[in-house]
All heavy atoms as atom14 arrays in JSON, in Angstrom:
{
  "sequence": "IHSPGLLPQGITVEDATHGVSVPRNKLLFSNGIHLLPYTGAGSGLPRA",
  "atom14_mask": [
    [1, 1, 1, 1, 1, 1, 1, 1, 0, 0, 0, 0, 0, 0],
    [1, 1, 1, 1, 1, 1, 1, 1, 1, 1, 0, 0, 0, 0],
    [1, 1, 1, 1, 1, 1, 0, 0, 0, 0, 0, 0, 0, 0],
    [1, 1, 1, 1, 1, 1, 1, 0, 0, 0, 0, 0, 0, 0],
    [1, 1, 1, 1, 0, 0, 0, 0, 0, 0, 0, 0, 0, 0],
    [1, 1, 1, 1, 1, 1, 1, 1, 0, 0, 0, 0, 0, 0],
    [1, 1, 1, 1, 1, 1, 1, 1, 0, 0, 0, 0, 0, 0],
    [1, 1, 1, 1, 1, 1, 1, 0, 0, 0, 0, 0, 0, 0],
    [1, 1, 1, 1, 1, 1, 1, 1, 1, 0, 0, 0, 0, 0],
    [1, 1, 1, 1, 0, 0, 0, 0, 0, 0, 0, 0, 0, 0],
    [1, 1, 1, 1, 1, 1, 1, 1, 0, 0, 0, 0, 0, 0],
    [1, 1, 1, 1, 1, 1, 1, 0, 0, 0, 0, 0, 0, 0],
    [1, 1, 1, 1, 1, 1, 1, 0, 0, 0, 0, 0, 0, 0],
    [1, 1, 1, 1, 1, 1, 1, 1, 1, 0, 0, 0, 0, 0],
    [1, 1, 1, 1, 1, 1, 1, 1, 0, 0, 0, 0, 0, 0],
    [1, 1, 1, 1, 1, 0, 0, 0, 0, 0, 0, 0, 0, 0],
    [1, 1, 1, 1, 1, 1, 1, 0, 0, 0, 0, 0, 0, 0],
    [1, 1, 1, 1, 1, 1, 1, 1, 1, 1, 0, 0, 0, 0],
    [1, 1, 1, 1, 0, 0, 0, 0, 0, 0, 0, 0, 0, 0],
    [1, 1, 1, 1, 1, 1, 1, 0, 0, 0, 0, 0, 0, 0],
    [1, 1, 1, 1, 1, 1, 0, 0, 0, 0, 0, 0, 0, 0],
    [1, 1, 1, 1, 1, 1, 1, 0, 0, 0, 0, 0, 0, 0],
    [1, 1, 1, 1, 1, 1, 1, 0, 0, 0, 0, 0, 0, 0],
    [1, 1, 1, 1, 1, 1, 1, 1, 1, 1, 1, 0, 0, 0],
    [1, 1, 1, 1, 1, 1, 1, 1, 0, 0, 0, 0, 0, 0],
    [1, 1, 1, 1, 1, 1, 1, 1, 1, 0, 0, 0, 0, 0],
    [1, 1, 1, 1, 1, 1, 1, 1, 0, 0, 0, 0, 0, 0],
    [1, 1, 1, 1, 1, 1, 1, 1, 0, 0, 0, 0, 0, 0],
    [1, 1, 1, 1, 1, 1, 1, 1, 1, 1, 1, 0, 0, 0],
    [1, 1, 1, 1, 1, 1, 0, 0, 0, 0, 0, 0, 0, 0],
    [1, 1, 1, 1, 1, 1, 1, 1, 0, 0, 0, 0, 0, 0],
    [1, 1, 1, 1, 0, 0, 0, 0, 0, 0, 0, 0, 0, 0],
    [1, 1, 1, 1, 1, 1, 1, 1, 0, 0, 0, 0, 0, 0],
    [1, 1, 1, 1, 1, 1, 1, 1, 1, 1, 0, 0, 0, 0],
    [1, 1, 1, 1, 1, 1, 1, 1, 0, 0, 0, 0, 0, 0],
    [1, 1, 1, 1, 1, 1, 1, 1, 0, 0, 0, 0, 0, 0],
    [1, 1, 1, 1, 1, 1, 1, 0, 0, 0, 0, 0, 0, 0],
    [1, 1, 1, 1, 1, 1, 1, 1, 1, 1, 1, 1, 0, 0],
    [1, 1, 1, 1, 1, 1, 1, 0, 0, 0, 0, 0, 0, 0],
    [1, 1, 1, 1, 0, 0, 0, 0, 0, 0, 0, 0, 0, 0],
    [1, 1, 1, 1, 1, 0, 0, 0, 0, 0, 0, 0, 0, 0],
    [1, 1, 1, 1, 0, 0, 0, 0, 0, 0, 0, 0, 0, 0],
    [1, 1, 1, 1, 1, 1, 0, 0, 0, 0, 0, 0, 0, 0],
    [1, 1, 1, 1, 0, 0, 0, 0, 0, 0, 0, 0, 0, 0],
    [1, 1, 1, 1, 1, 1, 1, 1, 0, 0, 0, 0, 0, 0],
    [1, 1, 1, 1, 1, 1, 1, 0, 0, 0, 0, 0, 0, 0],
    [1, 1, 1, 1, 1, 1, 1, 1, 1, 1, 1, 0, 0, 0],
    [1, 1, 1, 1, 1, 0, 0, 0, 0, 0, 0, 0, 0, 0]
  ],
  "atom14_positions": [
    [[14.74, 7.36, -29.7], [13.37, 6.7, -29.62], [12.6, 7.52, -28.66], [12.92, 7.59, -27.39], [13.61, 5.24, -29.19], [14.41, 4.51, -30.23], [12.18, 4.58, -28.96], [14.63, 3.02, -29.83], [0.0, 0.0, 0.0], [0.0, 0.0, 0.0], [0.0, 0.0, 0.0], [0.0, 0.0, 0.0], [0.0, 0.0, 0.0], [0.0, 0.0, 0.0]],
    [[11.53, 8.1, -29.1], [10.68, 8.92, -28.34], [9.42, 8.27, -27.97], [8.62, 7.87, -28.81], [10.35, 10.27, -29.07], [11.6, 11.13, -29.37], [12.03, 12.16, -28.68], [12.49, 10.96, -30.39], [13.09, 12.69, -29.23], [13.4, 12.0, -30.26], [0.0, 0.0, 0.0], [0.0, 0.0, 0.0], [0.0, 0.0, 0.0], [0.0, 0.0, 0.0]],
    [[9.09, 8.17, -26.65], [7.92, 7.48, -26.22], [7.06, 8.51, -25.53], [7.52, 9.24, -24.59], [8.26, 6.36, -25.14], [7.1, 5.74, -24.61], [0.0, 0.0, 0.0], [0.0, 0.0, 0.0], [0.0, 0.0, 0.0], [0.0, 0.0, 0.0], [0.0, 0.0, 0.0], [0.0, 0.0, 0.0], [0.0, 0.0, 0.0], [0.0, 0.0, 0.0]],
    [[5.71, 8.7, -25.94], [4.99, 9.78, -25.39], [4.69, 9.63, -23.91], [4.47, 8.49, -23.39], [3.63, 9.58, -26.13], [3.99, 8.86, -27.43], [5.2, 8.0, -27.1], [0.0, 0.0, 0.0], [0.0, 0.0, 0.0], [0.0, 0.0, 0.0], [0.0, 0.0, 0.0], [0.0, 0.0, 0.0], [0.0, 0.0, 0.0], [0.0, 0.0, 0.0]],
    [[4.77, 10.68, -23.15], [4.49, 10.69, -21.73], [5.84, 10.81, -20.98], [6.86, 10.41, -21.39], [0.0, 0.0, 0.0], [0.0, 0.0, 0.0], [0.0, 0.0, 0.0], [0.0, 0.0, 0.0], [0.0, 0.0, 0.0], [0.0, 0.0, 0.0], [0.0, 0.0, 0.0], [0.0, 0.0, 0.0], [0.0, 0.0, 0.0], [0.0, 0.0, 0.0]],
    [[5.67, 11.32, -19.7], [6.78, 11.41, -18.81], [6.9, 10.16, -18.0], [5.99, 9.29, -18.08], [6.5, 12.61, -17.92], [6.37, 13.98, -18.54], [6.0, 15.0, -17.53], [7.66, 14.43, -19.31], [0.0, 0.0, 0.0], [0.0, 0.0, 0.0], [0.0, 0.0, 0.0], [0.0, 0.0, 0.0], [0.0, 0.0, 0.0], [0.0, 0.0, 0.0]],
    [[7.99, 10.01, -17.22], [8.04, 8.92, -16.3], [6.83, 8.95, -15.3], [6.47, 10.06, -14.96], [9.36, 8.92, -15.56], [10.6, 8.64, -16.36], [11.86, 8.91, -15.5], [10.65, 7.14, -16.76], [0.0, 0.0, 0.0], [0.0, 0.0, 0.0], [0.0, 0.0, 0.0], [0.0, 0.0, 0.0], [0.0, 0.0, 0.0], [0.0, 0.0, 0.0]],
    [[6.35, 7.81, -14.91], [5.32, 7.82, -13.73], [5.84, 8.6, -12.65], [6.97, 8.65, -12.3], [5.17, 6.28, -13.44], [5.64, 5.61, -14.74], [6.74, 6.44, -15.3], [0.0, 0.0, 0.0], [0.0, 0.0, 0.0], [0.0, 0.0, 0.0], [0.0, 0.0, 0.0], [0.0, 0.0, 0.0], [0.0, 0.0, 0.0], [0.0, 0.0, 0.0]],
    [[4.83, 9.26, -11.92], [5.17, 10.12, -10.87], [5.9, 9.31, -9.74], [5.51, 8.25, -9.39], [3.92, 10.7, -10.21], [4.19, 11.77, -9.23], [2.97, 12.7, -9.06], [2.59, 13.4, -9.99], [2.4, 12.76, -7.9], [0.0, 0.0, 0.0], [0.0, 0.0, 0.0], [0.0, 0.0, 0.0], [0.0, 0.0, 0.0], [0.0, 0.0, 0.0]],
    [[6.96, 9.92, -9.18], [7.75, 9.33, -8.14], [8.93, 8.52, -8.68], [9.76, 8.02, -7.92], [0.0, 0.0, 0.0], [0.0, 0.0, 0.0], [0.0, 0.0, 0.0], [0.0, 0.0, 0.0], [0.0, 0.0, 0.0], [0.0, 0.0, 0.0], [0.0, 0.0, 0.0], [0.0, 0.0, 0.0], [0.0, 0.0, 0.0], [0.0, 0.0, 0.0]],
    [[9.02, 8.34, -10.01], [10.14, 7.56, -10.62], [11.03, 8.55, -11.36], [10.67, 9.43, -12.1], [9.65, 6.58, -11.66], [8.7, 5.51, -10.89], [10.77, 5.83, -12.32], [9.51, 4.75, -9.92], [0.0, 0.0, 0.0], [0.0, 0.0, 0.0], [0.0, 0.0, 0.0], [0.0, 0.0, 0.0], [0.0, 0.0, 0.0], [0.0, 0.0, 0.0]],
    [[12.3, 8.46, -11.05], [13.35, 9.33, -11.73], [14.07, 8.42, -12.79], [13.94, 7.19, -12.83], [14.43, 9.72, -10.65], [15.12, 8.65, -10.17], [13.75, 10.53, -9.53], [0.0, 0.0, 0.0], [0.0, 0.0, 0.0], [0.0, 0.0, 0.0], [0.0, 0.0, 0.0], [0.0, 0.0, 0.0], [0.0, 0.0, 0.0], [0.0, 0.0, 0.0]],
    [[14.76, 9.18, -13.6], [15.61, 8.42, -14.65], [16.61, 7.47, -14.0], [16.71, 6.33, -14.43], [16.37, 9.42, -15.52], [17.33, 8.73, -16.46], [15.44, 10.27, -16.31], [0.0, 0.0, 0.0], [0.0, 0.0, 0.0], [0.0, 0.0, 0.0], [0.0, 0.0, 0.0], [0.0, 0.0, 0.0], [0.0, 0.0, 0.0], [0.0, 0.0, 0.0]],
    [[17.13, 7.84, -12.91], [18.07, 7.03, -12.18], [17.42, 5.74, -11.62], [17.9, 4.65, -11.74], [18.7, 7.76, -11.0], [19.78, 6.99, -10.27], [20.49, 7.75, -9.18], [20.08, 8.9, -8.93], [21.44, 7.2, -8.55], [0.0, 0.0, 0.0], [0.0, 0.0, 0.0], [0.0, 0.0, 0.0], [0.0, 0.0, 0.0], [0.0, 0.0, 0.0]],
    [[16.17, 5.92, -11.12], [15.4, 4.76, -10.62], [15.18, 3.86, -11.81], [15.37, 2.61, -11.61], [14.1, 5.24, -10.07], [14.12, 6.03, -8.84], [15.13, 5.85, -8.11], [13.19, 6.86, -8.55], [0.0, 0.0, 0.0], [0.0, 0.0, 0.0], [0.0, 0.0, 0.0], [0.0, 0.0, 0.0], [0.0, 0.0, 0.0], [0.0, 0.0, 0.0]],
    [[14.73, 4.34, -12.93], [14.42, 3.45, -14.0], [15.6, 2.66, -14.49], [15.52, 1.49, -14.88], [13.77, 4.27, -15.21], [0.0, 0.0, 0.0], [0.0, 0.0, 0.0], [0.0, 0.0, 0.0], [0.0, 0.0, 0.0], [0.0, 0.0, 0.0], [0.0, 0.0, 0.0], [0.0, 0.0, 0.0], [0.0, 0.0, 0.0], [0.0, 0.0, 0.0]],
    [[16.75, 3.3, -14.57], [17.94, 2.66, -15.1], [18.53, 1.73, -14.04], [19.42, 0.82, -14.39], [19.07, 3.67, -15.49], [19.32, 4.55, -14.34], [18.58, 4.58, -16.61], [0.0, 0.0, 0.0], [0.0, 0.0, 0.0], [0.0, 0.0, 0.0], [0.0, 0.0, 0.0], [0.0, 0.0, 0.0], [0.0, 0.0, 0.0], [0.0, 0.0, 0.0]],
    [[18.04, 1.71, -12.76], [18.47, 0.76, -11.8], [17.4, -0.34, -11.55], [17.56, -1.07, -10.57], [18.73, 1.52, -10.45], [20.07, 2.17, -10.47], [20.24, 3.42, -11.01], [21.33, 1.8, -10.04], [21.57, 3.84, -10.87], [22.21, 2.88, -10.31], [0.0, 0.0, 0.0], [0.0, 0.0, 0.0], [0.0, 0.0, 0.0], [0.0, 0.0, 0.0]],
    [[16.39, -0.34, -12.43], [15.48, -1.48, -12.36], [14.21, -1.24, -11.54], [13.39, -2.14, -11.41], [0.0, 0.0, 0.0], [0.0, 0.0, 0.0], [0.0, 0.0, 0.0], [0.0, 0.0, 0.0], [0.0, 0.0, 0.0], [0.0, 0.0, 0.0], [0.0, 0.0, 0.0], [0.0, 0.0, 0.0], [0.0, 0.0, 0.0], [0.0, 0.0, 0.0]],
    [[13.93, -0.01, -11.08], [12.71, 0.3, -10.4], [11.55, 0.34, -11.42], [11.67, 0.99, -12.44], [12.78, 1.59, -9.62], [11.43, 1.99, -8.99], [13.86, 1.61, -8.59], [0.0, 0.0, 0.0], [0.0, 0.0, 0.0], [0.0, 0.0, 0.0], [0.0, 0.0, 0.0], [0.0, 0.0, 0.0], [0.0, 0.0, 0.0], [0.0, 0.0, 0.0]],
    [[10.54, -0.46, -11.21], [9.52, -0.57, -12.24], [8.14, -0.23, -11.65], [7.69, -0.85, -10.63], [9.42, -2.02, -12.76], [8.42, -2.17, -13.67], [0.0, 0.0, 0.0], [0.0, 0.0, 0.0], [0.0, 0.0, 0.0], [0.0, 0.0, 0.0], [0.0, 0.0, 0.0], [0.0, 0.0, 0.0], [0.0, 0.0, 0.0], [0.0, 0.0, 0.0]],
    [[7.45, 0.75, -12.28], [6.12, 1.08, -11.9], [5.32, 1.16, -13.18], [5.32, 2.15, -13.89], [6.02, 2.48, -11.21], [4.55, 2.85, -10.85], [6.78, 2.47, -9.9], [0.0, 0.0, 0.0], [0.0, 0.0, 0.0], [0.0, 0.0, 0.0], [0.0, 0.0, 0.0], [0.0, 0.0, 0.0], [0.0, 0.0, 0.0], [0.0, 0.0, 0.0]],
    [[4.64, 0.08, -13.52], [3.93, -0.02, -14.83], [2.86, 1.14, -14.93], [2.01, 1.3, -14.05], [3.32, -1.38, -14.83], [4.12, -2.22, -13.87], [4.49, -1.19, -12.8], [0.0, 0.0, 0.0], [0.0, 0.0, 0.0], [0.0, 0.0, 0.0], [0.0, 0.0, 0.0], [0.0, 0.0, 0.0], [0.0, 0.0, 0.0], [0.0, 0.0, 0.0]],
    [[2.9, 1.89, -16.01], [1.87, 2.83, -16.26], [0.56, 2.17, -16.73], [-0.53, 2.69, -16.51], [2.37, 3.91, -17.31], [1.3, 4.82, -17.76], [1.83, 5.75, -18.87], [2.43, 6.96, -18.28], [3.75, 7.21, -18.43], [4.55, 6.44, -19.17], [4.27, 8.35, -17.92], [0.0, 0.0, 0.0], [0.0, 0.0, 0.0], [0.0, 0.0, 0.0]],
    [[0.75, 1.13, -17.49], [-0.36, 0.45, -18.15], [-0.51, -1.03, -17.64], [0.21, -1.92, -18.16], [-0.3, 0.5, -19.67], [0.0, 1.78, -20.21], [-0.91, 2.7, -19.98], [1.12, 2.08, -20.9], [0.0, 0.0, 0.0], [0.0, 0.0, 0.0], [0.0, 0.0, 0.0], [0.0, 0.0, 0.0], [0.0, 0.0, 0.0], [0.0, 0.0, 0.0]],
    [[-1.22, -1.25, -16.59], [-1.11, -2.47, -15.86], [-1.69, -3.67, -16.72], [-1.22, -4.78, -16.66], [-1.86, -2.39, -14.5], [-1.13, -1.51, -13.54], [-1.54, -1.79, -12.14], [-0.58, -1.03, -11.18], [-0.9, -1.32, -9.7], [0.0, 0.0, 0.0], [0.0, 0.0, 0.0], [0.0, 0.0, 0.0], [0.0, 0.0, 0.0], [0.0, 0.0, 0.0]],
    [[-2.79, -3.44, -17.41], [-3.24, -4.51, -18.28], [-2.4, -4.93, -19.42], [-2.09, -6.07, -19.72], [-4.67, -4.06, -18.91], [-5.99, -4.43, -18.19], [-7.12, -3.92, -19.01], [-6.02, -5.91, -17.96], [0.0, 0.0, 0.0], [0.0, 0.0, 0.0], [0.0, 0.0, 0.0], [0.0, 0.0, 0.0], [0.0, 0.0, 0.0], [0.0, 0.0, 0.0]],
    [[-1.75, -3.87, -20.02], [-0.76, -4.1, -21.05], [0.43, -4.91, -20.5], [0.99, -5.86, -21.09], [-0.37, -2.83, -21.74], [-1.21, -2.27, -22.82], [-0.73, -0.88, -23.21], [-1.24, -3.22, -23.97], [0.0, 0.0, 0.0], [0.0, 0.0, 0.0], [0.0, 0.0, 0.0], [0.0, 0.0, 0.0], [0.0, 0.0, 0.0], [0.0, 0.0, 0.0]],
    [[0.83, -4.44, -19.29], [2.01, -5.02, -18.64], [1.9, -6.47, -18.33], [2.65, -7.36, -18.56], [2.4, -4.23, -17.4], [3.59, -4.68, -16.74], [4.9, -4.39, -17.14], [3.37, -5.42, -15.49], [6.01, -4.91, -16.41], [4.53, -5.9, -14.85], [5.81, -5.68, -15.26], [0.0, 0.0, 0.0], [0.0, 0.0, 0.0], [0.0, 0.0, 0.0]],
    [[0.7, -6.81, -17.76], [0.36, -8.13, -17.28], [0.08, -9.08, -18.36], [0.31, -10.33, -18.24], [-0.71, -8.1, -16.24], [-1.86, -7.66, -16.75], [0.0, 0.0, 0.0], [0.0, 0.0, 0.0], [0.0, 0.0, 0.0], [0.0, 0.0, 0.0], [0.0, 0.0, 0.0], [0.0, 0.0, 0.0], [0.0, 0.0, 0.0], [0.0, 0.0, 0.0]],
    [[-0.5, -8.65, -19.52], [-0.9, -9.54, -20.57], [0.04, -9.5, -21.81], [0.15, -10.48, -22.44], [-2.29, -9.12, -21.09], [-3.38, -9.45, -20.07], [-3.8, -10.59, -19.92], [-3.9, -8.44, -19.37], [0.0, 0.0, 0.0], [0.0, 0.0, 0.0], [0.0, 0.0, 0.0], [0.0, 0.0, 0.0], [0.0, 0.0, 0.0], [0.0, 0.0, 0.0]],
    [[0.81, -8.4, -21.95], [1.75, -8.29, -23.07], [2.93, -9.22, -22.92], [3.52, -9.6, -23.93], [0.0, 0.0, 0.0], [0.0, 0.0, 0.0], [0.0, 0.0, 0.0], [0.0, 0.0, 0.0], [0.0, 0.0, 0.0], [0.0, 0.0, 0.0], [0.0, 0.0, 0.0], [0.0, 0.0, 0.0], [0.0, 0.0, 0.0], [0.0, 0.0, 0.0]],
    [[3.16, -9.77, -21.75], [4.28, -10.68, -21.5], [4.06, -11.95, -22.31], [5.04, -12.6, -22.57], [4.42, -10.93, -20.02], [5.8, -11.62, -19.71], [3.32, -11.77, -19.46], [6.19, -11.58, -18.28], [0.0, 0.0, 0.0], [0.0, 0.0, 0.0], [0.0, 0.0, 0.0], [0.0, 0.0, 0.0], [0.0, 0.0, 0.0], [0.0, 0.0, 0.0]],
    [[2.87, -12.27, -22.76], [2.62, -13.47, -23.46], [2.69, -13.32, -24.95], [2.5, -14.18, -25.67], [1.2, -14.01, -23.11], [0.99, -14.21, -21.6], [1.68, -15.26, -20.94], [0.31, -13.56, -20.7], [1.32, -15.18, -19.69], [0.45, -14.21, -19.51], [0.0, 0.0, 0.0], [0.0, 0.0, 0.0], [0.0, 0.0, 0.0], [0.0, 0.0, 0.0]],
    [[2.97, -12.02, -25.35], [3.02, -11.73, -26.85], [4.38, -10.99, -27.23], [4.79, -11.02, -28.36], [1.89, -10.8, -27.25], [0.51, -11.51, -27.25], [-0.62, -10.48, -27.5], [0.46, -12.59, -28.4], [0.0, 0.0, 0.0], [0.0, 0.0, 0.0], [0.0, 0.0, 0.0], [0.0, 0.0, 0.0], [0.0, 0.0, 0.0], [0.0, 0.0, 0.0]],
    [[4.96, -10.31, -26.28], [6.15, -9.51, -26.48], [7.36, -10.11, -25.65], [7.12, -10.63, -24.59], [5.97, -8.05, -26.23], [4.85, -7.38, -27.06], [4.64, -5.96, -26.54], [5.33, -7.29, -28.5], [0.0, 0.0, 0.0], [0.0, 0.0, 0.0], [0.0, 0.0, 0.0], [0.0, 0.0, 0.0], [0.0, 0.0, 0.0], [0.0, 0.0, 0.0]],
    [[8.53, -9.89, -26.13], [9.77, -10.39, -25.4], [10.24, -9.63, -24.25], [11.06, -8.72, -24.35], [10.84, -10.55, -26.48], [10.5, -9.41, -27.46], [8.99, -9.34, -27.43], [0.0, 0.0, 0.0], [0.0, 0.0, 0.0], [0.0, 0.0, 0.0], [0.0, 0.0, 0.0], [0.0, 0.0, 0.0], [0.0, 0.0, 0.0], [0.0, 0.0, 0.0]],
    [[9.66, -9.85, -23.06], [10.14, -9.21, -21.85], [9.83, -10.1, -20.69], [8.98, -11.01, -20.74], [9.57, -7.89, -21.68], [8.11, -7.75, -21.42], [7.68, -7.58, -20.03], [7.17, -7.85, -22.36], [6.35, -7.65, -19.73], [5.8, -7.73, -22.09], [5.4, -7.67, -20.75], [4.04, -7.57, -20.42], [0.0, 0.0, 0.0], [0.0, 0.0, 0.0]],
    [[10.53, -9.82, -19.54], [10.38, -10.73, -18.31], [9.34, -10.11, -17.35], [8.76, -10.84, -16.57], [11.67, -10.87, -17.59], [12.11, -9.62, -17.15], [12.75, -11.47, -18.55], [0.0, 0.0, 0.0], [0.0, 0.0, 0.0], [0.0, 0.0, 0.0], [0.0, 0.0, 0.0], [0.0, 0.0, 0.0], [0.0, 0.0, 0.0], [0.0, 0.0, 0.0]],
    [[9.17, -8.78, -17.38], [8.21, -8.15, -16.36], [8.89, -7.93, -15.08], [8.3, -7.62, -14.08], [0.0, 0.0, 0.0], [0.0, 0.0, 0.0], [0.0, 0.0, 0.0], [0.0, 0.0, 0.0], [0.0, 0.0, 0.0], [0.0, 0.0, 0.0], [0.0, 0.0, 0.0], [0.0, 0.0, 0.0], [0.0, 0.0, 0.0], [0.0, 0.0, 0.0]],
    [[10.27, -8.17, -14.95], [11.0, -8.0, -13.67], [11.57, -6.73, -13.51], [12.23, -6.44, -12.53], [12.04, -9.05, -13.6], [0.0, 0.0, 0.0], [0.0, 0.0, 0.0], [0.0, 0.0, 0.0], [0.0, 0.0, 0.0], [0.0, 0.0, 0.0], [0.0, 0.0, 0.0], [0.0, 0.0, 0.0], [0.0, 0.0, 0.0], [0.0, 0.0, 0.0]],
    [[11.36, -5.73, -14.41], [11.9, -4.38, -14.3], [13.36, -4.39, -14.72], [14.08, -3.34, -14.4], [0.0, 0.0, 0.0], [0.0, 0.0, 0.0], [0.0, 0.0, 0.0], [0.0, 0.0, 0.0], [0.0, 0.0, 0.0], [0.0, 0.0, 0.0], [0.0, 0.0, 0.0], [0.0, 0.0, 0.0], [0.0, 0.0, 0.0], [0.0, 0.0, 0.0]],
    [[13.88, -5.34, -15.37], [15.28, -5.47, -15.68], [15.64, -5.07, -17.07], [16.81, -5.12, -17.49], [15.79, -6.93, -15.44], [15.09, -7.79, -16.27], [0.0, 0.0, 0.0], [0.0, 0.0, 0.0], [0.0, 0.0, 0.0], [0.0, 0.0, 0.0], [0.0, 0.0, 0.0], [0.0, 0.0, 0.0], [0.0, 0.0, 0.0], [0.0, 0.0, 0.0]],
    [[14.64, -4.55, -17.8], [14.83, -4.22, -19.2], [15.84, -3.18, -19.45], [16.86, -3.42, -20.22], [0.0, 0.0, 0.0], [0.0, 0.0, 0.0], [0.0, 0.0, 0.0], [0.0, 0.0, 0.0], [0.0, 0.0, 0.0], [0.0, 0.0, 0.0], [0.0, 0.0, 0.0], [0.0, 0.0, 0.0], [0.0, 0.0, 0.0], [0.0, 0.0, 0.0]],
    [[15.64, -2.0, -18.84], [16.61, -0.96, -19.06], [17.99, -1.17, -18.48], [19.02, -0.92, -19.17], [16.1, 0.4, -18.52], [14.93, 1.01, -19.21], [14.5, 2.3, -18.6], [15.26, 1.2, -20.7], [0.0, 0.0, 0.0], [0.0, 0.0, 0.0], [0.0, 0.0, 0.0], [0.0, 0.0, 0.0], [0.0, 0.0, 0.0], [0.0, 0.0, 0.0]],
    [[18.12, -1.72, -17.28], [19.56, -2.18, -16.85], [20.08, -3.15, -17.77], [21.36, -3.13, -18.06], [19.24, -2.84, -15.43], [18.02, -2.16, -14.94], [17.13, -1.96, -16.2], [0.0, 0.0, 0.0], [0.0, 0.0, 0.0], [0.0, 0.0, 0.0], [0.0, 0.0, 0.0], [0.0, 0.0, 0.0], [0.0, 0.0, 0.0], [0.0, 0.0, 0.0]],
    [[19.37, -4.11, -18.24], [19.96, -5.09, -19.23], [20.39, -4.5, -20.59], [21.42, -4.75, -21.1], [18.93, -6.25, -19.51], [19.59, -7.38, -20.28], [18.79, -8.69, -20.14], [17.37, -8.48, -20.44], [16.4, -8.5, -19.58], [16.68, -8.66, -18.28], [15.16, -8.3, -19.86], [0.0, 0.0, 0.0], [0.0, 0.0, 0.0], [0.0, 0.0, 0.0]],
    [[19.59, -3.51, -20.96], [19.86, -2.78, -22.24], [21.23, -2.08, -22.16], [21.97, -1.89, -23.14], [18.77, -1.81, -22.6], [0.0, 0.0, 0.0], [0.0, 0.0, 0.0], [0.0, 0.0, 0.0], [0.0, 0.0, 0.0], [0.0, 0.0, 0.0], [0.0, 0.0, 0.0], [0.0, 0.0, 0.0], [0.0, 0.0, 0.0], [0.0, 0.0, 0.0]]
  ]
}
């Protein structure tokens, strides 16, 4: 699954897999929670 763009600056793959969350798209992140199944707590990749 290929998602366009690199990780946000300052975030490593290890950070992301341990739950560090730096939203690239703040409006999508804060409003999408009401339409898509996620918690917004940065636990998605660790839970996956």
